[in-house]
């Protein structure tokens, strides 16, 4: 089971789509100790903004999604593959996190939607 149903992914996209809410972006990504805002996020791809590291298409990298769950910051580790680099934006596919972290992601998204 993936943390997003089609209805939740639309809410996640509108919540993280470039405009930060009162408490910041819905999802952030940590790459090499730097935290970057996520501008688009769905089941298979992620667009990370403000990346200054050198990245090239087909490069594999490890990163973590940073989410707020029950008032605490939680990091969800995963791996990605760069699809495209557009200036300071990186579009990447990523592997589904382990089931425990998928539950945390669902909880974070449901708390944010409420």
N, C-alpha and C. Protein backbone atom coordinates (compact mmCIF):
# COMPACT_ATOMS: atom_id res chain seq x y z
N UNK A 1 0.85 -1.18 0.00
CA UNK A 1 0.00 0.00 0.00
C UNK A 1 0.88 1.23 0.00
N UNK A 2 0.63 2.16 -0.89
CA UNK A 2 1.39 3.38 -1.01
C UNK A 2 0.73 4.48 -0.19
N UNK A 3 1.50 5.45 0.32
CA UNK A 3 0.91 6.44 1.22
C UNK A 3 -0.07 7.40 0.56
N UNK A 4 -0.22 7.36 -0.75
CA UNK A 4 -1.09 8.32 -1.41
C UNK A 4 -2.17 7.63 -2.21
N UNK A 5 -3.39 8.04 -1.98
CA UNK A 5 -4.47 7.64 -2.87
C UNK A 5 -4.60 8.77 -3.89
N UNK A 6 -5.30 8.60 -4.98
CA UNK A 6 -5.42 9.68 -5.96
C UNK A 6 -5.98 10.97 -5.35
N UNK A 7 -6.91 10.86 -4.42
CA UNK A 7 -7.46 12.07 -3.82
C UNK A 7 -6.46 12.75 -2.90
N UNK A 8 -5.65 11.97 -2.18
CA UNK A 8 -4.65 12.57 -1.31
C UNK A 8 -3.52 13.20 -2.09
N UNK A 9 -3.13 12.61 -3.23
CA UNK A 9 -2.02 13.17 -3.99
C UNK A 9 -2.37 14.54 -4.54
N UNK A 10 -3.65 14.77 -4.90
CA UNK A 10 -4.04 16.09 -5.35
C UNK A 10 -3.92 17.09 -4.21
N UNK A 11 -4.31 16.70 -3.01
CA UNK A 11 -4.17 17.60 -1.86
C UNK A 11 -2.71 17.85 -1.56
N UNK A 12 -1.88 16.84 -1.68
CA UNK A 12 -0.45 17.00 -1.42
C UNK A 12 0.18 17.92 -2.45
N UNK A 13 -0.22 17.78 -3.73
CA UNK A 13 0.34 18.63 -4.76
C UNK A 13 -0.06 20.08 -4.54
N UNK A 14 -1.30 20.33 -4.16
CA UNK A 14 -1.71 21.71 -3.94
C UNK A 14 -1.07 22.28 -2.69
N UNK A 15 -0.81 21.46 -1.70
CA UNK A 15 -0.18 21.94 -0.47
C UNK A 15 1.29 22.19 -0.63
N UNK A 16 1.96 21.51 -1.55
CA UNK A 16 3.40 21.69 -1.69
C UNK A 16 3.76 22.37 -3.00
N UNK A 17 2.79 22.77 -3.77
CA UNK A 17 3.04 23.30 -5.10
C UNK A 17 3.61 24.69 -5.12
N UNK A 18 4.78 24.91 -4.57
CA UNK A 18 5.48 26.17 -4.69
C UNK A 18 5.11 27.18 -3.63
N UNK A 19 3.88 27.25 -3.19
CA UNK A 19 3.52 28.24 -2.18
C UNK A 19 3.58 27.60 -0.80
N UNK A 20 4.37 28.21 0.06
CA UNK A 20 4.53 27.68 1.40
C UNK A 20 3.38 28.15 2.25
N UNK A 21 2.82 27.25 3.03
CA UNK A 21 1.73 27.60 3.92
C UNK A 21 2.26 28.29 5.16
N UNK A 22 1.42 28.39 6.18
CA UNK A 22 1.81 29.07 7.41
C UNK A 22 2.96 28.36 8.09
N UNK A 23 3.03 27.04 7.97
CA UNK A 23 4.10 26.30 8.62
C UNK A 23 5.14 25.81 7.63
N UNK A 24 5.19 26.39 6.43
CA UNK A 24 6.19 26.02 5.45
C UNK A 24 5.68 24.96 4.49
N UNK A 25 6.58 24.46 3.64
CA UNK A 25 6.16 23.47 2.66
C UNK A 25 5.75 22.17 3.33
N UNK A 26 4.85 21.45 2.67
CA UNK A 26 4.37 20.18 3.19
C UNK A 26 5.49 19.16 3.31
N UNK A 27 6.33 19.10 2.29
CA UNK A 27 7.42 18.14 2.26
C UNK A 27 8.71 18.88 1.91
N UNK A 28 9.77 18.50 2.58
CA UNK A 28 11.09 19.01 2.24
C UNK A 28 12.00 17.81 2.02
N UNK A 29 13.13 18.04 1.37
CA UNK A 29 14.08 16.96 1.11
C UNK A 29 15.44 17.35 1.64
N UNK A 30 16.09 16.42 2.35
CA UNK A 30 17.45 16.65 2.84
C UNK A 30 18.41 15.87 1.96
N UNK A 31 19.33 16.62 1.35
CA UNK A 31 20.38 16.03 0.52
C UNK A 31 21.71 16.56 1.06
N UNK A 32 22.58 15.67 1.47
CA UNK A 32 23.91 16.06 1.97
C UNK A 32 23.83 17.18 3.01
N UNK A 33 23.04 16.98 4.03
CA UNK A 33 22.87 17.90 5.17
C UNK A 33 22.17 19.20 4.84
N UNK A 34 21.77 19.41 3.59
CA UNK A 34 21.04 20.63 3.22
C UNK A 34 19.59 20.28 2.99
N UNK A 35 18.68 21.11 3.53
CA UNK A 35 17.25 20.87 3.38
C UNK A 35 16.72 21.80 2.29
N UNK A 36 15.98 21.20 1.34
CA UNK A 36 15.45 21.92 0.19
C UNK A 36 13.94 21.75 0.14
N UNK A 37 13.22 22.78 -0.32
CA UNK A 37 11.77 22.63 -0.48
C UNK A 37 11.44 21.72 -1.66
N UNK A 38 10.37 20.97 -1.51
CA UNK A 38 9.86 20.12 -2.58
C UNK A 38 8.71 20.85 -3.23
N UNK A 39 8.80 21.10 -4.54
CA UNK A 39 7.76 21.86 -5.22
C UNK A 39 6.69 20.97 -5.83
N UNK A 40 7.04 19.74 -6.22
CA UNK A 40 6.05 18.79 -6.72
C UNK A 40 6.39 17.41 -6.17
N UNK A 41 5.34 16.66 -5.86
CA UNK A 41 5.53 15.40 -5.16
C UNK A 41 4.39 14.48 -5.53
N UNK A 42 4.70 13.33 -6.10
CA UNK A 42 3.66 12.34 -6.37
C UNK A 42 4.22 10.95 -6.11
N UNK A 43 3.51 9.94 -6.58
CA UNK A 43 3.89 8.55 -6.28
C UNK A 43 5.26 8.14 -6.79
N UNK A 44 5.68 8.69 -7.90
CA UNK A 44 6.91 8.21 -8.52
C UNK A 44 8.00 9.27 -8.65
N UNK A 45 7.62 10.54 -8.72
CA UNK A 45 8.63 11.57 -8.95
C UNK A 45 8.54 12.67 -7.91
N UNK A 46 9.64 13.38 -7.79
CA UNK A 46 9.73 14.50 -6.87
C UNK A 46 10.53 15.60 -7.56
N UNK A 47 10.12 16.85 -7.39
CA UNK A 47 10.87 17.99 -7.89
C UNK A 47 11.38 18.76 -6.67
N UNK A 48 12.69 18.81 -6.57
CA UNK A 48 13.35 19.46 -5.43
C UNK A 48 13.92 20.78 -5.91
N UNK A 49 13.62 21.85 -5.21
CA UNK A 49 14.02 23.20 -5.61
C UNK A 49 15.24 23.65 -4.81
N UNK A 50 16.03 24.54 -5.39
CA UNK A 50 17.15 25.14 -4.68
C UNK A 50 18.36 24.25 -4.52
N UNK A 51 18.52 23.26 -5.37
CA UNK A 51 19.65 22.34 -5.26
C UNK A 51 20.86 22.98 -5.90
N UNK A 52 21.92 23.14 -5.14
CA UNK A 52 23.15 23.74 -5.65
C UNK A 52 24.24 22.70 -5.89
N UNK A 53 24.00 21.47 -5.47
CA UNK A 53 24.96 20.41 -5.71
C UNK A 53 24.99 20.07 -7.20
N UNK A 54 26.13 19.61 -7.68
CA UNK A 54 26.23 19.20 -9.08
C UNK A 54 25.54 17.85 -9.25
N UNK A 55 24.54 17.81 -10.10
CA UNK A 55 23.82 16.57 -10.39
C UNK A 55 23.62 16.46 -11.88
N UNK A 56 23.63 15.23 -12.36
CA UNK A 56 23.45 14.97 -13.79
C UNK A 56 22.37 13.91 -13.96
N UNK A 57 21.70 13.88 -15.12
CA UNK A 57 20.69 12.84 -15.35
C UNK A 57 21.27 11.43 -15.18
N UNK A 58 20.44 10.55 -14.63
CA UNK A 58 20.74 9.15 -14.33
C UNK A 58 21.66 8.98 -13.12
N UNK A 59 21.99 10.07 -12.45
CA UNK A 59 22.79 9.97 -11.22
C UNK A 59 21.90 9.45 -10.10
N UNK A 60 22.41 8.53 -9.33
CA UNK A 60 21.68 8.02 -8.17
C UNK A 60 22.16 8.75 -6.93
N UNK A 61 21.23 9.01 -6.00
CA UNK A 61 21.60 9.71 -4.78
C UNK A 61 20.67 9.29 -3.65
N UNK A 62 21.17 9.44 -2.45
CA UNK A 62 20.36 9.16 -1.27
C UNK A 62 19.86 10.49 -0.71
N UNK A 63 18.61 10.47 -0.25
CA UNK A 63 18.04 11.66 0.37
C UNK A 63 16.97 11.23 1.35
N UNK A 64 16.43 12.20 2.06
CA UNK A 64 15.36 11.91 3.01
C UNK A 64 14.27 12.96 2.86
N UNK A 65 13.03 12.51 2.88
CA UNK A 65 11.89 13.42 2.96
C UNK A 65 11.80 13.88 4.40
N UNK A 66 11.59 15.17 4.62
CA UNK A 66 11.43 15.72 5.96
C UNK A 66 9.96 16.13 6.12
N UNK A 67 9.28 15.51 7.08
CA UNK A 67 7.86 15.74 7.32
C UNK A 67 7.63 16.03 8.80
N UNK A 68 6.54 16.69 9.09
CA UNK A 68 6.17 16.92 10.48
C UNK A 68 5.04 15.97 10.86
N UNK A 69 5.30 15.15 11.88
CA UNK A 69 4.32 14.18 12.37
C UNK A 69 4.14 14.41 13.86
N UNK A 70 2.92 14.69 14.28
CA UNK A 70 2.60 14.94 15.70
C UNK A 70 3.52 16.00 16.31
N UNK A 71 3.81 17.05 15.55
CA UNK A 71 4.63 18.14 16.05
C UNK A 71 6.13 17.89 16.05
N UNK A 72 6.56 16.75 15.56
CA UNK A 72 7.98 16.43 15.50
C UNK A 72 8.41 16.24 14.06
N UNK A 73 9.64 16.64 13.76
CA UNK A 73 10.19 16.43 12.42
C UNK A 73 10.66 14.98 12.27
N UNK A 74 10.22 14.35 11.20
CA UNK A 74 10.58 12.95 10.92
C UNK A 74 11.24 12.91 9.55
N UNK A 75 12.33 12.15 9.45
CA UNK A 75 13.00 11.98 8.17
C UNK A 75 12.70 10.58 7.62
N UNK A 76 12.32 10.54 6.36
CA UNK A 76 11.99 9.29 5.69
C UNK A 76 13.08 9.03 4.64
N UNK A 77 14.00 8.11 4.91
CA UNK A 77 15.10 7.88 3.98
C UNK A 77 14.67 7.12 2.74
N UNK A 78 15.27 7.49 1.61
CA UNK A 78 15.01 6.80 0.35
C UNK A 78 16.16 7.09 -0.61
N UNK A 79 16.06 6.53 -1.80
CA UNK A 79 17.05 6.76 -2.85
C UNK A 79 16.34 7.25 -4.09
N UNK A 80 17.04 8.08 -4.85
CA UNK A 80 16.46 8.60 -6.07
C UNK A 80 17.40 8.51 -7.25
N UNK A 81 16.84 8.73 -8.43
CA UNK A 81 17.61 8.79 -9.66
C UNK A 81 17.21 10.07 -10.38
N UNK A 82 18.19 10.89 -10.72
CA UNK A 82 17.93 12.16 -11.38
C UNK A 82 17.39 11.90 -12.78
N UNK A 83 16.27 12.54 -13.09
CA UNK A 83 15.67 12.45 -14.42
C UNK A 83 16.06 13.67 -15.23
N UNK A 84 15.99 14.84 -14.59
CA UNK A 84 16.24 16.10 -15.30
C UNK A 84 16.73 17.15 -14.31
N UNK A 85 17.62 18.00 -14.79
CA UNK A 85 18.10 19.13 -13.99
C UNK A 85 17.72 20.40 -14.75
N UNK A 86 16.94 21.28 -14.08
CA UNK A 86 16.50 22.54 -14.68
C UNK A 86 16.98 23.66 -13.78
N UNK A 87 18.15 24.21 -14.06
CA UNK A 87 18.69 25.27 -13.21
C UNK A 87 18.98 24.73 -11.83
N UNK A 88 18.25 25.24 -10.83
CA UNK A 88 18.42 24.77 -9.45
C UNK A 88 17.34 23.77 -9.04
N UNK A 89 16.58 23.28 -10.01
CA UNK A 89 15.56 22.27 -9.74
C UNK A 89 16.02 20.92 -10.25
N UNK A 90 15.77 19.90 -9.44
CA UNK A 90 16.09 18.53 -9.82
C UNK A 90 14.80 17.73 -9.82
N UNK A 91 14.52 17.09 -10.94
CA UNK A 91 13.39 16.18 -11.05
C UNK A 91 13.96 14.78 -10.94
N UNK A 92 13.43 13.98 -10.01
CA UNK A 92 13.98 12.64 -9.78
C UNK A 92 12.86 11.65 -9.52
N UNK A 93 13.12 10.41 -9.89
CA UNK A 93 12.25 9.31 -9.46
C UNK A 93 12.84 8.80 -8.15
N UNK A 94 12.01 8.16 -7.34
CA UNK A 94 12.52 7.65 -6.06
C UNK A 94 11.89 6.32 -5.73
N UNK A 95 12.58 5.58 -4.88
CA UNK A 95 12.09 4.29 -4.43
C UNK A 95 11.08 4.49 -3.32
N UNK A 96 10.08 3.63 -3.27
CA UNK A 96 9.10 3.71 -2.20
C UNK A 96 9.77 3.41 -0.87
N UNK A 97 9.50 4.21 0.16
CA UNK A 97 10.08 3.95 1.48
C UNK A 97 9.55 2.64 2.07
N UNK A 98 10.20 2.20 3.12
CA UNK A 98 9.75 1.01 3.83
C UNK A 98 8.35 1.24 4.40
N UNK A 99 7.59 0.17 4.63
CA UNK A 99 6.20 0.31 5.10
C UNK A 99 6.04 1.16 6.36
N UNK A 100 6.96 1.06 7.31
CA UNK A 100 6.87 1.87 8.53
C UNK A 100 6.87 3.35 8.16
N UNK A 101 7.76 3.75 7.26
CA UNK A 101 7.85 5.15 6.87
C UNK A 101 6.66 5.57 6.00
N UNK A 102 6.09 4.63 5.25
CA UNK A 102 4.89 4.95 4.49
C UNK A 102 3.74 5.32 5.42
N UNK A 103 3.64 4.61 6.56
CA UNK A 103 2.61 4.95 7.56
C UNK A 103 2.84 6.36 8.10
N UNK A 104 4.10 6.70 8.38
CA UNK A 104 4.40 8.04 8.88
C UNK A 104 4.06 9.10 7.84
N UNK A 105 4.33 8.82 6.58
CA UNK A 105 4.00 9.77 5.52
C UNK A 105 2.49 9.97 5.41
N UNK A 106 1.72 8.87 5.49
CA UNK A 106 0.26 8.99 5.46
C UNK A 106 -0.24 9.81 6.63
N UNK A 107 0.33 9.58 7.83
CA UNK A 107 -0.10 10.33 9.00
C UNK A 107 0.21 11.81 8.86
N UNK A 108 1.41 12.13 8.35
CA UNK A 108 1.79 13.54 8.17
C UNK A 108 0.86 14.22 7.18
N UNK A 109 0.53 13.54 6.08
CA UNK A 109 -0.35 14.14 5.08
C UNK A 109 -1.77 14.30 5.60
N UNK A 110 -2.25 13.33 6.38
CA UNK A 110 -3.60 13.44 6.92
C UNK A 110 -3.68 14.54 7.98
N UNK A 111 -2.64 14.71 8.77
CA UNK A 111 -2.63 15.78 9.76
C UNK A 111 -2.60 17.15 9.08
N UNK A 112 -1.85 17.24 8.00
CA UNK A 112 -1.74 18.51 7.28
C UNK A 112 -3.06 18.85 6.60
N UNK A 113 -3.77 17.83 6.10
CA UNK A 113 -5.05 18.07 5.41
C UNK A 113 -6.14 18.48 6.40
N UNK A 114 -6.03 18.03 7.64
CA UNK A 114 -7.07 18.32 8.64
C UNK A 114 -7.00 19.74 9.16
